Amino acid sequence: MKIGIIREGKNPPDKRVPFTPKQLRNIVDEYDAIEVVVQKSEVRGISDGEYENEGISVVDNIDEVDVVFGVKEINIVDLIPNKTHFFFSHTIKEQPYNRDLLKSILKKNITLIDYECLVNPNGIRILGFGRYAGIVGTYNTLLAYGKRMNQFDLKSAHNCHDKKELYKELEKVKLPNSFKIVITGLGRVAGGTMEILDYLKIKQVSPEDFISQKFNEPVYTQLSVNEYFKKPDNFNFEREEAYSNPERFESNFMTYAKHADMYISCHYWDSKGPLIFNKTELASSDFKIRTIGDISCDIAGPIPSTVRPSTIDDPIYYVNRFDCVEINNIDDNSITVMAVDNLPCELPRDASEDFGKELFEKVIPALANKDKDGLLERATIAKGGELTPKFSYLEAYVNGK
């Protein structure tokens, strides 16, 4: 089997890679039947020379490989017919901007295995970049607060060579003793957020203590769906129902927004469910939050102050909390918003290391043992020029209906 790492073609460029040089070296050393090559690239966060230093061949063309690994969507012109491709296709939610991509994959007889669909038998995703979205998103939110209050000035995350330098920058962070941070969500993103807050020795407190106690140090609380949502009339809350029928619930976030200074969103949100908070609540005198890091970044979604995505080069903007219109000035009625939608790209070396480790441990064995546990089959969207049964619901989408 010959594996090829394709050059990322998205614009703006994505500097991440599916495998680091040492990880590819480990594949070659551990699996005698696997050969690897890397397509030349000038945009990667890891240079061609670093791969060559590990004895990995760097080539102009990878058309002869059996399996193609990328990160983001592969440009249609770069798809290699009759090969297996791994990448984030962003098609399973019928994203209109990628319909032609999926059509081309079917036409070119490509086997598409989507990272987002790689799940264990219980349906739990086995890999992703969520942890680094949380790490970088939280760093950027602290950067936003420092600028808003003119208290400290952090280097932009993408200007840090790696996570080690980013953590060194965090030594500049100074928060008031009574400062309170609320985060929503329990997954990988929230885990990355908590890594930063714990590194800063910000104390975690229970949701109950967060709203009822005063503290002489910065604190944060983590809300699960059963805390930021509630059933009308306080009917019994069933966690599974909140995901299967979110339209039956309403927001309970204002209970915490009355006490928090900063909000970091790390949740998954279903458009059928309630907003985290609405424009009326944002404009309320009880809404205490003035800095919001919307890592989830659902535009026109559950957080009304997120009016657009921000960028790596310009991660912060300001919104008037009374009408949710973007403004240029900072005052008591403005919300500072951090809403970068491709956060892991800011630490491409570390994010790639993390992602490639999971690929090496979970996906490469499945390729080598002919997928005896069905991991790859569960994530295969297209094969033999057709949608697989699990993803047959995409047929109307492919046909433009």
Protein backbone atom coordinates (compact mmCIF):
# COMPACT_ATOMS: atom_id res chain seq x y z
CA MET A 1 0.00 0.00 0.00
CA LYS A 2 1.29 3.43 -0.93
CA ILE A 3 0.09 6.43 1.07
CA GLY A 4 0.43 10.01 -0.15
CA ILE A 5 0.09 13.25 1.83
CA ILE A 6 -1.49 15.77 -0.52
CA ARG A 7 -0.61 19.45 -0.68
CA GLU A 8 -3.40 21.53 0.90
CA GLY A 9 -5.06 23.69 -1.74
CA LYS A 10 -7.59 25.73 0.20
CA ASN A 11 -7.39 29.52 0.19
CA PRO A 12 -6.60 31.00 2.66
CA PRO A 13 -3.93 28.30 3.08
CA ASP A 14 -4.25 25.69 5.80
CA LYS A 15 -0.86 24.91 7.34
CA ARG A 16 -1.90 21.71 9.11
CA VAL A 17 -0.86 18.22 8.03
CA PRO A 18 -2.42 14.80 8.72
CA PHE A 19 0.93 13.34 9.82
CA THR A 20 4.17 14.84 11.12
CA PRO A 21 7.53 13.61 9.75
CA LYS A 22 8.21 11.38 12.76
CA GLN A 23 4.75 9.87 12.55
CA LEU A 24 5.30 8.92 8.90
CA ARG A 25 8.67 7.48 9.87
CA ASN A 26 6.91 5.39 12.52
CA ILE A 27 4.41 4.09 9.96
CA VAL A 28 7.19 2.97 7.62
CA ASP A 29 9.15 1.37 10.47
CA GLU A 30 6.14 -0.48 11.91
CA TYR A 31 4.38 -1.56 8.72
CA ASP A 32 6.63 -3.26 6.15
CA ALA A 33 3.87 -3.29 3.52
CA ILE A 34 3.22 0.48 3.65
CA GLU A 35 5.17 3.06 1.67
CA VAL A 36 4.65 6.82 2.18
CA VAL A 37 5.35 9.93 0.10
CA VAL A 38 4.63 13.62 0.65
CA GLN A 39 3.65 16.09 -2.05
CA LYS A 40 5.78 19.23 -2.10
CA SER A 41 4.21 22.26 -0.42
CA GLU A 42 5.23 25.80 0.44
CA VAL A 43 2.32 26.44 2.82
CA ARG A 44 2.64 23.72 5.43
CA GLY A 45 3.59 24.57 9.00
CA ILE A 46 6.11 21.71 8.66
CA SER A 47 8.63 22.09 5.87
CA ASP A 48 9.46 19.62 3.10
CA GLY A 49 12.99 19.45 4.51
CA GLU A 50 11.72 18.21 7.86
CA TYR A 51 10.07 15.27 6.10
CA GLU A 52 13.20 14.57 4.10
CA ASN A 53 15.24 14.60 7.29
CA GLU A 54 13.15 11.62 8.45
CA GLY A 55 13.85 9.78 5.21
CA ILE A 56 10.40 10.48 3.71
CA SER A 57 10.26 11.03 -0.07
CA VAL A 58 8.96 14.46 -1.07
CA VAL A 59 7.57 14.45 -4.61
CA ASP A 60 5.82 16.72 -7.11
CA ASN A 61 3.04 14.29 -7.97
CA ILE A 62 1.20 11.65 -5.92
CA ASP A 63 -1.09 10.26 -8.64
CA GLU A 64 0.34 6.76 -8.22
CA VAL A 65 -0.50 6.33 -4.53
CA ASP A 66 -3.32 4.08 -3.28
CA VAL A 67 -4.51 6.22 -0.39
CA VAL A 68 -4.54 10.03 -0.18
CA PHE A 69 -4.51 11.84 3.18
CA GLY A 70 -5.36 15.54 3.41
CA VAL A 71 -6.88 17.83 6.03
CA LYS A 72 -9.43 20.25 4.55
CA GLU A 73 -11.56 19.74 1.42
CA ILE A 74 -9.43 18.78 -1.56
CA ASN A 75 -9.92 21.02 -4.59
CA ILE A 76 -11.88 19.24 -7.33
CA VAL A 77 -9.00 19.62 -9.78
CA ASP A 78 -6.67 17.84 -7.32
CA LEU A 79 -8.88 14.78 -6.70
CA ILE A 80 -7.18 11.60 -7.94
CA PRO A 81 -9.59 9.20 -9.72
CA ASN A 82 -10.07 5.64 -8.45
CA LYS A 83 -8.18 6.26 -5.19
CA THR A 84 -9.17 6.30 -1.52
CA HIS A 85 -9.21 9.81 -0.01
CA PHE A 86 -9.26 10.81 3.65
CA PHE A 87 -10.20 14.42 4.50
CA PHE A 88 -12.86 16.63 6.11
CA SER A 89 -15.33 16.86 3.22
CA HIS A 90 -17.98 19.02 4.93
CA THR A 91 -20.74 17.35 2.93
CA ILE A 92 -22.71 15.26 5.44
CA LYS A 93 -24.86 18.23 6.47
CA GLU A 94 -25.60 18.91 2.80
CA GLN A 95 -23.40 22.00 2.73
CA PRO A 96 -24.30 23.66 -0.59
CA TYR A 97 -20.79 24.96 -1.25
CA ASN A 98 -19.43 21.39 -1.43
CA ARG A 99 -22.13 19.74 -3.55
CA ASP A 100 -19.95 19.87 -6.67
CA LEU A 101 -17.09 18.34 -4.68
CA LEU A 102 -19.18 15.29 -3.77
CA LYS A 103 -20.51 15.02 -7.33
CA SER A 104 -16.93 14.94 -8.62
CA ILE A 105 -15.92 12.31 -6.06
CA LEU A 106 -18.71 10.05 -7.31
CA LYS A 107 -17.90 10.74 -10.96
CA LYS A 108 -14.21 9.95 -10.42
CA ASN A 109 -14.95 6.66 -8.65
CA ILE A 110 -13.23 7.85 -5.46
CA THR A 111 -13.65 6.15 -2.10
CA LEU A 112 -14.24 9.02 0.33
CA ILE A 113 -13.60 8.43 4.03
CA ASP A 114 -14.49 11.48 6.10
CA TYR A 115 -12.59 12.10 9.34
CA GLU A 116 -15.74 13.54 10.90
CA CYS A 117 -17.48 10.18 10.43
CA LEU A 118 -14.77 8.03 12.00
CA VAL A 119 -16.61 6.80 15.08
CA ASN A 120 -16.41 3.87 17.45
CA PRO A 121 -19.25 1.31 17.56
CA ASN A 122 -21.11 3.58 20.00
CA GLY A 123 -21.04 6.47 17.53
CA ILE A 124 -18.41 8.52 19.40
CA ARG A 125 -15.91 10.36 17.20
CA ILE A 126 -12.38 9.06 17.56
CA LEU A 127 -10.38 12.05 16.34
CA GLY A 128 -10.57 15.72 15.51
CA PHE A 129 -8.97 19.11 16.01
CA GLY A 130 -11.41 20.18 18.75
CA ARG A 131 -8.84 20.22 21.53
CA TYR A 132 -6.74 22.81 19.71
CA ALA A 133 -9.81 24.84 18.80
CA GLY A 134 -10.39 25.10 22.56
CA ILE A 135 -6.76 25.91 23.38
CA VAL A 136 -6.36 28.62 20.73
CA GLY A 137 -9.91 29.95 21.12
CA THR A 138 -9.47 30.46 24.84
CA TYR A 139 -6.08 32.09 24.35
CA ASN A 140 -7.64 34.46 21.79
CA THR A 141 -10.52 35.25 24.16
CA LEU A 142 -8.04 36.22 26.87
CA LEU A 143 -6.17 38.28 24.26
CA ALA A 144 -9.48 40.01 23.47
CA TYR A 145 -10.10 40.79 27.13
CA GLY A 146 -6.58 42.16 27.58
CA LYS A 147 -7.08 44.52 24.65
CA ARG A 148 -10.55 45.56 25.81
CA MET A 149 -9.35 46.46 29.28
CA ASN A 150 -5.90 47.62 28.17
CA GLN A 151 -4.41 45.42 30.90
CA PHE A 152 -2.09 43.08 29.00
CA ASP A 153 -1.06 42.47 25.40
CA LEU A 154 -0.65 38.90 24.17
CA LYS A 155 1.15 37.98 20.98
CA SER A 156 -1.23 36.67 18.30
CA ALA A 157 -1.53 32.90 18.56
CA HIS A 158 -0.47 32.35 14.95
CA ASN A 159 2.74 34.27 15.62
CA CYS A 160 3.72 31.76 18.31
CA HIS A 161 6.01 29.03 16.98
CA ASP A 162 4.24 26.36 19.00
CA LYS A 163 2.15 25.70 22.09
CA LYS A 164 5.19 26.11 24.33
CA GLU A 165 5.63 29.72 23.21
CA LEU A 166 1.88 30.34 23.50
CA TYR A 167 1.92 29.13 27.11
CA LYS A 168 4.88 31.42 27.81
CA GLU A 169 2.75 34.35 26.61
CA LEU A 170 0.03 33.39 29.10
CA GLU A 171 2.30 34.54 31.92
CA LYS A 172 1.19 38.08 31.01
CA VAL A 173 -2.47 37.38 31.84
CA LYS A 174 -3.81 39.24 34.86
CA LEU A 175 -7.49 38.95 35.81
CA PRO A 176 -9.37 40.71 38.62
CA ASN A 177 -9.84 38.71 41.82
CA SER A 178 -13.61 38.58 41.38
CA PHE A 179 -13.50 37.63 37.69
CA LYS A 180 -15.92 34.89 36.58
CA ILE A 181 -15.80 32.84 33.37
CA VAL A 182 -18.59 30.57 32.14
CA ILE A 183 -18.08 27.91 29.46
CA THR A 184 -20.69 25.71 27.76
CA GLY A 185 -20.01 22.18 26.53
CA LEU A 186 -18.29 18.98 27.65
CA GLY A 187 -16.39 17.72 24.58
CA ARG A 188 -12.91 18.05 23.10
CA VAL A 189 -13.22 21.81 22.63
CA ALA A 190 -14.17 22.34 26.27
CA GLY A 191 -11.25 20.13 27.26
CA GLY A 192 -8.87 22.43 25.39
CA THR A 193 -10.42 25.47 27.02
CA MET A 194 -10.02 23.97 30.47
CA GLU A 195 -6.35 23.17 29.75
CA ILE A 196 -5.70 26.90 29.39
CA LEU A 197 -7.78 27.94 32.40
CA ASP A 198 -6.22 25.26 34.58
CA TYR A 199 -2.72 26.25 33.42
CA LEU A 200 -3.52 29.78 34.60
CA LYS A 201 -4.61 28.27 37.94
CA ILE A 202 -8.10 29.68 37.56
CA LYS A 203 -10.24 27.77 40.02
CA GLN A 204 -13.10 25.64 38.74
CA VAL A 205 -16.30 25.90 40.77
CA SER A 206 -19.69 24.23 40.51
CA PRO A 207 -22.48 25.97 38.60
CA GLU A 208 -24.35 26.31 41.89
CA ASP A 209 -21.44 28.05 43.66
CA PHE A 210 -20.79 30.19 40.57
CA ILE A 211 -24.15 31.95 40.95
CA SER A 212 -24.41 31.91 44.74
CA GLN A 213 -20.90 32.58 46.05
CA LYS A 214 -18.42 35.46 45.94
CA PHE A 215 -14.76 34.69 45.37
CA ASN A 216 -11.50 36.51 46.02
CA GLU A 217 -9.86 34.92 42.97
CA PRO A 218 -10.76 34.34 39.30
CA VAL A 219 -13.02 31.30 38.83
CA TYR A 220 -14.74 29.44 36.03
CA THR A 221 -17.62 27.02 35.74
CA GLN A 222 -18.46 24.49 33.05
CA LEU A 223 -22.10 24.09 32.04
CA SER A 224 -23.56 20.93 30.61
CA VAL A 225 -26.69 21.00 28.44
CA ASN A 226 -28.84 20.29 31.50
CA GLU A 227 -27.60 23.58 33.01
CA TYR A 228 -27.75 25.98 30.08
CA PHE A 229 -31.05 24.50 28.81
CA LYS A 230 -34.17 23.65 30.77
CA LYS A 231 -37.60 22.20 30.21
CA PRO A 232 -40.52 24.67 30.23
CA ASP A 233 -42.30 24.66 33.58
CA ASN A 234 -39.31 22.79 35.01
CA PHE A 235 -40.46 19.37 33.75
CA ASN A 236 -38.03 16.50 34.17
CA PHE A 237 -34.84 17.00 32.17
CA GLU A 238 -33.64 14.03 30.11
CA ARG A 239 -30.17 14.59 28.67
CA GLU A 240 -30.73 12.37 25.63
CA GLU A 241 -33.97 14.18 24.83
CA ALA A 242 -32.08 17.48 24.73
CA TYR A 243 -30.08 16.11 21.78
CA SER A 244 -32.84 14.12 20.06
CA ASN A 245 -35.61 16.73 20.46
CA PRO A 246 -33.93 20.05 21.31
CA GLU A 247 -36.99 22.02 20.22
CA ARG A 248 -38.70 20.94 23.46
CA PHE A 249 -36.28 22.98 25.58
CA GLU A 250 -35.59 26.63 26.38
CA SER A 251 -32.52 28.51 27.48
CA ASN A 252 -31.43 28.80 31.08
CA PHE A 253 -28.20 30.66 30.31
CA MET A 254 -29.28 33.99 31.82
CA THR A 255 -29.06 32.34 35.23
CA TYR A 256 -25.28 32.42 34.73
CA ALA A 257 -24.93 35.47 32.47
CA LYS A 258 -26.03 37.63 35.40
CA HIS A 259 -22.83 36.66 37.24
CA ALA A 260 -20.20 36.11 34.52
CA ASP A 261 -17.66 38.52 33.06
CA MET A 262 -16.52 36.29 30.17
CA TYR A 263 -18.24 33.58 28.16
CA ILE A 264 -16.47 30.87 26.11
CA SER A 265 -18.72 28.68 23.95
CA CYS A 266 -17.55 25.09 23.39
CA HIS A 267 -20.91 23.39 22.84
CA TYR A 268 -22.57 21.60 19.95
CA TRP A 269 -25.74 23.42 18.87
CA ASP A 270 -28.68 22.08 16.86
CA SER A 271 -30.58 24.71 14.87
CA LYS A 272 -33.85 23.10 16.03
CA GLY A 273 -32.95 23.92 19.63
CA PRO A 274 -33.24 27.17 21.60
CA LEU A 275 -30.72 29.99 21.40
CA ILE A 276 -28.13 30.13 24.17
CA PHE A 277 -29.42 33.67 24.72
CA ASN A 278 -31.41 36.09 22.59
CA LYS A 279 -31.05 39.76 21.65
CA THR A 280 -33.45 40.90 24.35
CA GLU A 281 -31.41 39.11 27.02
CA LEU A 282 -28.17 40.53 25.61
CA ALA A 283 -29.59 44.05 25.91
CA SER A 284 -30.83 43.45 29.45
CA SER A 285 -29.20 45.29 32.33
CA ASP A 286 -28.78 41.86 33.98
CA PHE A 287 -26.47 40.64 31.21
CA LYS A 288 -23.05 41.13 32.80
CA ILE A 289 -20.79 39.49 30.16
CA ARG A 290 -18.72 41.82 28.00
CA THR A 291 -16.16 39.45 26.42
CA ILE A 292 -17.35 36.46 24.39
CA GLY A 293 -15.17 33.81 22.80
CA ASP A 294 -17.47 31.99 20.40
CA ILE A 295 -15.35 28.96 19.53
CA SER A 296 -18.42 27.15 18.17
CA CYS A 297 -18.91 30.09 15.77
CA ASP A 298 -22.44 29.45 14.47
CA ILE A 299 -23.22 32.56 12.42
CA ALA A 300 -26.77 33.84 12.94
CA GLY A 301 -27.05 31.08 15.51
CA PRO A 302 -27.39 30.69 19.28
CA ILE A 303 -25.21 33.69 20.21
CA PRO A 304 -26.64 36.87 18.63
CA SER A 305 -23.45 38.90 19.07
CA THR A 306 -21.66 36.56 16.63
CA VAL A 307 -22.60 38.49 13.51
CA ARG A 308 -19.71 37.20 11.38
CA PRO A 309 -16.63 35.01 11.66
CA SER A 310 -13.44 36.83 12.53
CA THR A 311 -10.07 35.97 11.03
CA ILE A 312 -6.72 34.71 12.23
CA ASP A 313 -5.14 38.06 11.32
CA ASP A 314 -7.95 40.08 12.91
CA PRO A 315 -9.61 37.86 15.53
CA ILE A 316 -11.62 40.51 17.43
CA TYR A 317 -14.54 42.77 16.66
CA TYR A 318 -17.05 44.76 18.71
CA VAL A 319 -20.84 44.70 18.73
CA ASN A 320 -23.38 47.06 20.28
CA ARG A 321 -25.31 44.90 22.71
CA PHE A 322 -28.58 46.79 22.15
CA ASP A 323 -28.90 46.12 18.42
CA CYS A 324 -26.12 43.57 17.61
CA VAL A 325 -24.61 45.91 15.03
CA GLU A 326 -20.84 45.85 14.64
CA ILE A 327 -19.11 49.01 15.88
CA ASN A 328 -15.56 50.34 16.02
CA ASN A 329 -15.42 51.70 19.55
CA ILE A 330 -15.24 50.04 22.95
CA ASP A 331 -17.61 51.28 25.66
CA ASP A 332 -19.78 49.88 28.44
CA ASN A 333 -22.45 48.89 25.93
CA SER A 334 -20.14 47.02 23.56
CA ILE A 335 -19.43 43.29 23.47
CA THR A 336 -15.94 42.15 22.51
CA VAL A 337 -16.31 39.15 20.21
CA MET A 338 -13.73 36.50 19.26
CA ALA A 339 -15.19 34.23 16.57
CA VAL A 340 -12.36 32.77 14.49
CA ASP A 341 -13.75 29.72 12.66
CA ASN A 342 -10.46 27.92 11.87
CA LEU A 343 -8.67 28.18 15.21
CA PRO A 344 -6.46 25.03 15.06
CA CYS A 345 -4.70 26.55 12.02
CA GLU A 346 -3.02 29.02 14.38
CA LEU A 347 -0.91 26.26 15.97
CA PRO A 348 -0.46 23.97 12.96
CA ARG A 349 2.53 22.04 14.29
CA ASP A 350 0.97 21.08 17.63
CA ALA A 351 -2.53 20.51 16.21
CA SER A 352 -1.06 18.25 13.52
CA GLU A 353 0.97 16.31 16.09
CA ASP A 354 -2.18 15.67 18.12
CA PHE A 355 -4.29 14.70 15.10
CA GLY A 356 -1.63 12.50 13.50
CA LYS A 357 -1.11 10.58 16.75
CA GLU A 358 -4.76 9.53 16.71
CA LEU A 359 -4.58 8.64 13.01
CA PHE A 360 -1.49 6.51 13.64
CA GLU A 361 -3.06 4.71 16.59
CA LYS A 362 -6.56 4.15 15.20
CA VAL A 363 -6.73 4.53 11.42
CA ILE A 364 -3.45 3.11 10.10
CA PRO A 365 -4.09 -0.24 11.87
CA ALA A 366 -7.52 -0.38 10.23
CA LEU A 367 -5.92 0.18 6.82
CA ALA A 368 -3.33 -2.50 7.53
CA ASN A 369 -5.80 -5.15 8.78
CA LYS A 370 -8.37 -4.57 6.01
CA ASP A 371 -10.76 -2.83 8.41
CA LYS A 372 -11.68 -5.92 10.39
CA ASP A 373 -13.63 -3.84 12.94
CA GLY A 374 -15.55 -1.78 10.36
CA LEU A 375 -14.13 1.58 11.45
CA LEU A 376 -13.42 2.76 7.91
CA GLU A 377 -16.63 1.34 6.52
CA ARG A 378 -18.67 3.40 8.98
CA ALA A 379 -16.96 6.58 7.73
CA THR A 380 -17.11 5.81 3.99
CA ILE A 381 -19.43 8.26 2.25
CA ALA A 382 -18.78 7.20 -1.36
CA LYS A 383 -17.40 4.06 -2.99
CA GLY A 384 -17.52 2.62 -6.50
CA GLY A 385 -19.15 5.73 -7.91
CA GLU A 386 -22.11 5.55 -5.51
CA LEU A 387 -23.10 6.78 -2.08
CA THR A 388 -22.86 4.08 0.57
CA PRO A 389 -26.15 2.99 2.20
CA LYS A 390 -25.47 4.94 5.40
CA PHE A 391 -25.12 8.17 3.40
CA SER A 392 -27.76 7.51 0.75
CA TYR A 393 -29.75 10.42 2.20
CA LEU A 394 -27.29 12.69 0.34
CA GLU A 395 -28.62 11.61 -3.05
CA ALA A 396 -31.07 14.49 -3.40
CA TYR A 397 -28.33 16.89 -2.27
CA VAL A 398 -25.96 15.54 -4.92
CA ASN A 399 -28.67 15.93 -7.54
CA GLY A 400 -29.29 19.53 -6.54
CA LYS A 401 -32.77 18.96 -5.16
